[in-house]
């Protein structure tokens, strides 16, 4: 009776015995990967769209605790009922409240802003919403931040043996020329 030999290193033993086959498989994977990489779609300056809405409120003459209790908490509770909200972050300071509401990726910033503004109107309609001197209700401001509009595409530094004013004038001229490019 012949005993079967156990191969603990079956794959590595096969690889050593079939070196040429392993090299061909590696070459095929490498060529396929390079072809896939070169055919990936890319943009030079992709537009970055975030589904975040920022809400800021100014309530002059009040401590951070009052701003949180009277403005931030009621708004947060109302925003929490919106479908598609993934995260709410808030900061209450003296005279100021800031709330950041993040939405699911499938919700556009325009849709999110409409939902937030509707909830702000609901909260403002309540009798206990705070007022500023003269009876004017505190007005929360909702806005989205488009990073593509805020972040510059390129920063150019200009130096030379010129005065600061000459460099500034040249930089403004250069900026106008670059902005005219299509």
Protein backbone atom coordinates (compact mmCIF):
# COMPACT_ATOMS: atom_id res chain seq x y z
CA UNK A 1 0.00 0.00 0.00
CA UNK A 2 1.31 3.35 -0.98
CA UNK A 3 0.84 6.27 1.37
CA UNK A 4 -0.40 9.58 -0.01
CA UNK A 5 1.92 12.48 0.62
CA UNK A 6 0.21 15.50 2.15
CA UNK A 7 1.01 18.75 0.47
CA UNK A 8 0.82 21.53 2.98
CA UNK A 9 2.04 24.11 0.49
CA UNK A 10 0.03 23.08 -2.55
CA UNK A 11 -0.29 26.50 -4.22
CA UNK A 12 3.31 27.50 -3.64
CA UNK A 13 4.56 24.08 -4.80
CA UNK A 14 2.46 24.37 -7.96
CA UNK A 15 3.79 27.92 -8.53
CA UNK A 16 7.38 26.73 -8.27
CA UNK A 17 6.73 23.83 -10.66
CA UNK A 18 4.89 26.06 -13.19
CA UNK A 19 6.96 29.25 -13.19
CA UNK A 20 6.16 30.28 -16.75
CA UNK A 21 2.42 29.95 -16.19
CA UNK A 22 2.64 32.17 -13.09
CA UNK A 23 4.58 34.83 -15.04
CA UNK A 24 1.98 34.80 -17.83
CA UNK A 25 -0.89 35.18 -15.30
CA UNK A 26 0.91 38.09 -13.59
CA UNK A 27 1.55 39.76 -16.97
CA UNK A 28 -2.14 39.41 -17.95
CA UNK A 29 -3.27 40.92 -14.63
CA UNK A 30 -0.75 43.78 -14.97
CA UNK A 31 -1.75 44.61 -18.56
CA UNK A 32 -5.46 44.43 -17.66
CA UNK A 33 -4.92 46.75 -14.69
CA UNK A 34 -3.01 49.30 -16.77
CA UNK A 35 -5.69 49.25 -19.48
CA UNK A 36 -8.44 49.72 -16.89
CA UNK A 37 -6.58 52.59 -15.24
CA UNK A 38 -6.01 54.41 -18.53
CA UNK A 39 -9.69 54.15 -19.48
CA UNK A 40 -11.02 55.59 -16.18
CA UNK A 41 -13.01 58.80 -16.68
CA UNK A 42 -11.41 61.90 -15.12
CA UNK A 43 -12.06 65.60 -14.91
CA UNK A 44 -9.46 68.30 -14.53
CA UNK A 45 -11.60 70.32 -12.15
CA UNK A 46 -14.48 68.18 -10.85
CA UNK A 47 -17.34 69.96 -9.13
CA UNK A 48 -17.57 69.02 -5.48
CA UNK A 49 -21.16 68.92 -4.26
CA UNK A 50 -21.84 68.48 -0.57
CA UNK A 51 -25.30 67.88 0.82
CA UNK A 52 -24.77 70.13 3.82
CA UNK A 53 -26.84 73.11 4.85
CA UNK A 54 -25.61 75.67 7.34
CA UNK A 55 -28.00 77.66 9.53
CA UNK A 56 -26.79 80.70 11.42
CA UNK A 57 -28.74 82.90 13.81
CA UNK A 58 -27.76 86.11 15.56
CA UNK A 59 -29.45 86.86 18.88
CA UNK A 60 -27.64 89.89 20.33
CA UNK A 61 -27.25 90.42 24.05
CA UNK A 62 -27.69 86.79 25.12
CA UNK A 63 -25.40 84.25 26.75
CA UNK A 64 -24.47 81.02 24.98
CA UNK A 65 -26.78 79.00 27.25
CA UNK A 66 -29.77 81.19 26.34
CA UNK A 67 -28.95 81.01 22.63
CA UNK A 68 -28.75 77.21 22.88
CA UNK A 69 -32.02 76.88 24.82
CA UNK A 70 -34.06 79.41 22.82
CA UNK A 71 -32.70 79.02 19.27
CA UNK A 72 -30.37 76.07 18.73
CA UNK A 73 -32.34 73.30 20.49
CA UNK A 74 -35.76 74.11 18.92
CA UNK A 75 -34.17 74.24 15.46
CA UNK A 76 -32.28 70.98 16.01
CA UNK A 77 -35.43 69.21 17.17
CA UNK A 78 -37.30 70.42 14.08
CA UNK A 79 -34.44 69.46 11.72
CA UNK A 80 -34.28 65.99 13.28
CA UNK A 81 -37.74 65.23 11.79
CA UNK A 82 -36.54 65.81 8.21
CA UNK A 83 -36.14 62.62 6.17
CA UNK A 84 -32.66 62.11 4.79
CA UNK A 85 -30.77 63.88 7.58
CA UNK A 86 -27.66 61.93 8.55
CA UNK A 87 -25.99 64.26 11.05
CA UNK A 88 -26.67 67.51 12.89
CA UNK A 89 -23.83 69.49 14.45
CA UNK A 90 -24.37 72.73 16.35
CA UNK A 91 -22.45 75.42 18.16
CA UNK A 92 -23.94 78.02 20.45
CA UNK A 93 -21.90 81.07 21.37
CA UNK A 94 -22.72 84.37 22.96
CA UNK A 95 -25.11 86.16 20.57
CA UNK A 96 -24.71 83.48 17.86
CA UNK A 97 -25.97 80.02 16.89
CA UNK A 98 -24.57 77.84 14.11
CA UNK A 99 -26.06 74.54 12.95
CA UNK A 100 -24.70 72.23 10.25
CA UNK A 101 -27.16 69.70 8.82
CA UNK A 102 -25.78 66.86 6.67
CA UNK A 103 -28.06 65.02 4.26
CA UNK A 104 -27.82 61.73 2.38
CA UNK A 105 -25.90 61.96 -0.90
CA UNK A 106 -29.02 61.47 -3.06
CA UNK A 107 -30.54 64.75 -1.81
CA UNK A 108 -29.43 67.84 -3.73
CA UNK A 109 -28.38 70.98 -1.84
CA UNK A 110 -31.38 72.84 -3.30
CA UNK A 111 -33.84 70.24 -1.98
CA UNK A 112 -32.11 70.22 1.39
CA UNK A 113 -32.23 74.01 1.63
CA UNK A 114 -35.97 74.04 0.88
CA UNK A 115 -36.61 71.43 3.59
CA UNK A 116 -34.53 73.39 6.12
CA UNK A 117 -36.23 76.70 5.29
CA UNK A 118 -39.67 75.08 5.72
CA UNK A 119 -38.68 73.82 9.16
CA UNK A 120 -37.26 77.24 10.08
CA UNK A 121 -40.59 78.83 9.14
CA UNK A 122 -42.40 76.28 11.35
CA UNK A 123 -40.23 77.13 14.35
CA UNK A 124 -40.47 80.89 13.78
CA UNK A 125 -44.28 80.68 13.69
CA UNK A 126 -44.37 79.47 17.30
CA UNK A 127 -45.37 81.97 19.99
CA UNK A 128 -42.28 81.42 22.13
CA UNK A 129 -39.75 82.13 19.36
CA UNK A 130 -37.39 84.88 20.61
CA UNK A 131 -37.56 88.44 19.37
CA UNK A 132 -34.98 91.19 19.14
CA UNK A 133 -35.62 94.69 20.47
CA UNK A 134 -38.59 96.17 18.67
CA UNK A 135 -40.49 92.88 18.42
CA UNK A 136 -38.68 91.58 15.33
CA UNK A 137 -38.28 87.79 15.45
CA UNK A 138 -34.80 86.30 15.26
CA UNK A 139 -34.21 85.33 11.62
CA UNK A 140 -32.12 82.16 11.08
CA UNK A 141 -30.19 82.24 7.81
CA UNK A 142 -29.95 78.95 5.85
CA UNK A 143 -27.31 78.57 3.13
CA UNK A 144 -25.27 75.93 1.36
CA UNK A 145 -21.56 76.25 0.73
CA UNK A 146 -20.40 75.34 -2.76
CA UNK A 147 -16.73 74.45 -2.36
CA UNK A 148 -16.15 74.67 -6.12
CA UNK A 149 -17.01 78.37 -6.04
CA UNK A 150 -14.98 79.15 -2.93
CA UNK A 151 -11.78 77.20 -3.56
CA UNK A 152 -9.46 78.72 -6.18
CA UNK A 153 -8.27 76.57 -9.06
CA UNK A 154 -4.78 78.02 -8.93
CA UNK A 155 -2.75 80.30 -6.68
CA UNK A 156 -0.12 82.38 -8.44
CA UNK A 157 2.65 84.20 -6.57
CA UNK A 158 4.39 87.10 -8.25
CA UNK A 159 7.81 88.32 -7.13
CA UNK A 160 10.45 90.58 -8.58
CA UNK A 161 12.40 93.78 -8.16
CA UNK A 162 9.30 95.96 -8.19
CA UNK A 163 7.36 97.89 -5.59
CA UNK A 164 4.41 96.26 -3.89
CA UNK A 165 2.04 98.54 -5.77
CA UNK A 166 3.56 97.61 -9.15
CA UNK A 167 3.29 93.91 -8.29
CA UNK A 168 -0.33 94.38 -7.19
CA UNK A 169 -1.21 96.21 -10.42
CA UNK A 170 0.43 93.48 -12.50
CA UNK A 171 -1.35 90.76 -10.49
CA UNK A 172 -4.72 92.42 -11.10
CA UNK A 173 -3.95 92.70 -14.83
CA UNK A 174 -2.91 89.05 -14.90
CA UNK A 175 -6.08 88.05 -13.02
CA UNK A 176 -8.24 89.85 -15.59
CA UNK A 177 -6.40 88.10 -18.44
CA UNK A 178 -6.81 84.67 -16.84
CA UNK A 179 -10.52 85.22 -16.12
CA UNK A 180 -11.11 86.09 -19.80
CA UNK A 181 -9.73 82.70 -20.91
CA UNK A 182 -12.38 80.19 -21.91
